[in-house]
C-alpha cells in the first residue's frame, strides 16, 4: 500500500502545512507550475517527490524534471503532466497519448480547479489537485491525498488550505 500526496500550481509558494498533510505519505507528486526549485527541495524533505514541469517553470526546473511522467506504482499505471485538459475535453497533445497508453490514473494541473472524476470512455481516473499556491484566479487552495493498493485507488480526500491568501 502506498499513500500519495498530490499537489500542483504552487507558483513559488510553500505553505508549512504541506508537511502536516503529506508527512504520512510515501510519495508526493507535483503536477507542475512549481515556481522555483526550492519548493521541490522542501517537499523532498517531507518525502520522495515525483515532479513534472509546468508552463511557468524556468529553464532550471525544465532541465531537472520532465514534461511527462509515466510510471507504475503498486498495480496502477499512472500518467502525469501539467497541461492535460479534463475528462472528455483533453488537450490535443494528450488525447492520442491517453488512447494509446491507457493509464489507470491520469494526473494534471494547470486549471487551478480541483477535480476528481472517472472517465468512463477511457476507463481511467482523472485527478487535478487544483492550486496550492497563492497566485492565480482560484479562490480556495487545495491538495489531494489518496492510497493505492494493488490496482485499487481509495481513501481519496481533498484538503482545503483556505482562501488564496498568504497563510504561512
Protein backbone atom coordinates (compact mmCIF):
# COMPACT_ATOMS: atom_id res chain seq x y z
CA UNK A 1 0.00 0.00 0.00
CA UNK A 2 1.22 3.48 -0.90
CA UNK A 3 -0.11 6.78 0.42
CA UNK A 4 0.21 9.63 -2.08
CA UNK A 5 0.09 13.41 -1.65
CA UNK A 6 -0.85 15.30 -4.81
CA UNK A 7 -0.08 18.99 -5.34
CA UNK A 8 0.10 21.43 -8.25
CA UNK A 9 0.45 25.08 -9.13
CA UNK A 10 2.45 26.21 -6.12
CA UNK A 11 3.87 29.08 -8.23
CA UNK A 12 6.82 29.50 -5.86
CA UNK A 13 4.76 29.47 -2.67
CA UNK A 14 5.42 26.98 0.13
CA UNK A 15 2.86 26.51 2.90
CA UNK A 16 4.30 24.87 6.03
CA UNK A 17 1.07 22.85 6.26
CA UNK A 18 2.18 20.75 3.27
CA UNK A 19 4.34 18.85 5.76
CA UNK A 20 1.37 18.32 8.08
CA UNK A 21 -0.75 16.80 5.32
CA UNK A 22 1.99 14.91 3.47
CA UNK A 23 4.20 13.61 6.31
CA UNK A 24 2.40 10.25 6.38
CA UNK A 25 2.64 9.90 2.59
CA UNK A 26 5.08 7.57 0.84
CA UNK A 27 5.37 9.95 -2.09
CA UNK A 28 4.36 13.46 -3.14
CA UNK A 29 3.50 14.09 -6.77
CA UNK A 30 3.78 17.68 -8.04
CA UNK A 31 1.85 18.24 -11.29
CA UNK A 32 3.72 21.35 -12.44
CA UNK A 33 3.93 25.12 -12.18
CA UNK A 34 6.38 24.74 -9.33
CA UNK A 35 7.67 28.30 -9.48
CA UNK A 36 11.14 27.71 -8.05
CA UNK A 37 13.34 24.71 -7.34
CA UNK A 38 13.31 25.36 -3.59
CA UNK A 39 9.69 24.16 -3.46
CA UNK A 40 10.80 20.69 -4.58
CA UNK A 41 13.77 20.75 -2.20
CA UNK A 42 11.37 21.43 0.68
CA UNK A 43 8.86 18.79 -0.46
CA UNK A 44 11.69 16.23 -0.74
CA UNK A 45 12.47 16.86 2.93
CA UNK A 46 8.96 15.59 3.70
CA UNK A 47 9.17 12.52 1.45
CA UNK A 48 10.17 11.38 -2.05
CA UNK A 49 8.70 13.71 -4.69
CA UNK A 50 7.86 12.99 -8.34
CA UNK A 51 7.62 16.10 -10.47
CA UNK A 52 6.66 17.36 -13.93
CA UNK A 53 7.31 20.91 -15.01
CA UNK A 54 4.59 23.38 -15.95
CA UNK A 55 4.24 26.28 -18.34
CA UNK A 56 5.52 28.90 -15.85
CA UNK A 57 8.59 26.90 -14.85
CA UNK A 58 12.00 28.22 -15.86
CA UNK A 59 14.92 26.53 -17.63
CA UNK A 60 16.42 25.30 -14.33
CA UNK A 61 13.27 23.39 -13.43
CA UNK A 62 12.79 22.16 -17.01
CA UNK A 63 16.36 20.81 -17.03
CA UNK A 64 15.72 18.92 -13.79
CA UNK A 65 12.22 17.49 -14.40
CA UNK A 66 10.31 16.11 -17.40
CA UNK A 67 7.18 17.41 -19.13
CA UNK A 68 5.51 13.99 -18.66
CA UNK A 69 5.93 11.07 -16.30
CA UNK A 70 4.60 7.58 -16.92
CA UNK A 71 5.14 5.08 -14.15
CA UNK A 72 3.60 2.14 -12.37
CA UNK A 73 3.00 2.18 -8.63
CA UNK A 74 1.59 -0.92 -6.99
CA UNK A 75 -0.64 -2.16 -9.85
CA UNK A 76 -1.68 1.26 -11.15
CA UNK A 77 -0.34 2.74 -14.40
CA UNK A 78 -0.01 6.50 -13.91
CA UNK A 79 0.48 9.28 -16.43
CA UNK A 80 1.21 12.79 -15.11
CA UNK A 81 1.67 16.06 -17.00
CA UNK A 82 0.87 19.69 -16.31
CA UNK A 83 -1.49 20.74 -19.11
CA UNK A 84 -3.94 17.99 -19.96
CA UNK A 85 -7.49 19.30 -20.05
CA UNK A 86 -10.28 17.43 -18.30
CA UNK A 87 -12.39 14.32 -18.90
CA UNK A 88 -13.97 14.28 -22.34
CA UNK A 89 -12.15 17.51 -23.23
CA UNK A 90 -8.42 16.71 -23.15
CA UNK A 91 -5.83 18.76 -24.99
CA UNK A 92 -4.92 17.53 -28.45
CA UNK A 93 -1.42 16.54 -27.30
CA UNK A 94 -2.89 14.37 -24.54
CA UNK A 95 -5.91 12.83 -26.31
CA UNK A 96 -3.92 10.49 -28.56
CA UNK A 97 -1.46 9.64 -25.83
CA UNK A 98 -4.22 8.59 -23.41
CA UNK A 99 -5.95 6.48 -26.06
CA UNK A 100 -2.70 4.69 -26.92
CA UNK A 101 -1.23 4.16 -23.44
CA UNK A 102 -4.45 3.65 -21.46
CA UNK A 103 -3.28 4.72 -17.98
CA UNK A 104 -5.38 3.78 -14.95
CA UNK A 105 -4.78 7.20 -13.41
CA UNK A 106 -4.26 10.47 -15.28
CA UNK A 107 -2.99 13.46 -13.30
CA UNK A 108 -2.59 17.03 -14.44
CA UNK A 109 -2.65 20.54 -13.03
CA UNK A 110 -2.82 23.93 -14.77
CA UNK A 111 -6.55 24.70 -14.48
CA UNK A 112 -6.38 25.65 -10.76
CA UNK A 113 -9.64 23.68 -10.44
CA UNK A 114 -9.63 20.68 -8.12
CA UNK A 115 -11.39 17.80 -9.83
CA UNK A 116 -11.55 14.03 -9.42
CA UNK A 117 -13.60 12.18 -11.98
CA UNK A 118 -13.85 8.76 -13.56
CA UNK A 119 -13.50 8.91 -17.35
CA UNK A 120 -15.76 6.04 -18.33
CA UNK A 121 -14.85 6.31 -22.01
CA UNK A 122 -11.14 5.70 -21.32
CA UNK A 123 -11.73 3.68 -18.13
CA UNK A 124 -9.34 5.78 -16.07
CA UNK A 125 -9.47 8.02 -13.04
CA UNK A 126 -8.69 11.71 -13.60
CA UNK A 127 -7.23 13.86 -10.82
CA UNK A 128 -6.33 17.53 -10.76
CA UNK A 129 -5.38 18.79 -7.29
CA UNK A 130 -6.25 22.40 -8.11
CA UNK A 131 -3.77 25.04 -6.97
CA UNK A 132 -1.83 25.06 -3.70
CA UNK A 133 -0.18 28.43 -4.22
CA UNK A 134 -1.43 31.97 -3.76
CA UNK A 135 -1.11 33.15 -7.37
CA UNK A 136 -3.95 32.65 -9.83
CA UNK A 137 -7.69 33.04 -10.10
CA UNK A 138 -8.69 30.19 -7.76
CA UNK A 139 -10.42 31.13 -4.54
CA UNK A 140 -9.51 28.13 -2.35
CA UNK A 141 -6.10 26.41 -2.25
CA UNK A 142 -6.31 22.61 -2.43
CA UNK A 143 -4.30 19.39 -2.17
CA UNK A 144 -5.31 15.74 -2.62
CA UNK A 145 -4.29 12.67 -0.62
CA UNK A 146 -5.11 9.09 -1.56
CA UNK A 147 -3.98 5.49 -1.21
CA UNK A 148 -3.08 2.87 -3.78
CA UNK A 149 -3.02 -0.84 -3.07
CA UNK A 150 -2.72 -3.25 -5.94
CA UNK A 151 -4.94 -1.73 -8.64
CA UNK A 152 -7.24 -0.08 -6.10
CA UNK A 153 -7.23 3.71 -5.56
CA UNK A 154 -9.05 4.64 -2.37
CA UNK A 155 -9.27 6.94 0.67
CA UNK A 156 -9.17 9.91 -1.67
CA UNK A 157 -9.55 13.22 0.13
CA UNK A 158 -9.46 16.83 -0.95
CA UNK A 159 -7.74 19.07 1.57
CA UNK A 160 -8.70 22.73 1.55
CA UNK A 161 -5.94 25.06 2.75
CA UNK A 162 -8.19 28.09 2.89
CA UNK A 163 -8.61 31.12 0.70
CA UNK A 164 -5.94 32.24 -1.72
CA UNK A 165 -4.17 34.45 0.80
CA UNK A 166 -0.78 34.08 2.38
CA UNK A 167 -1.14 31.90 5.49
CA UNK A 168 2.40 30.85 6.40
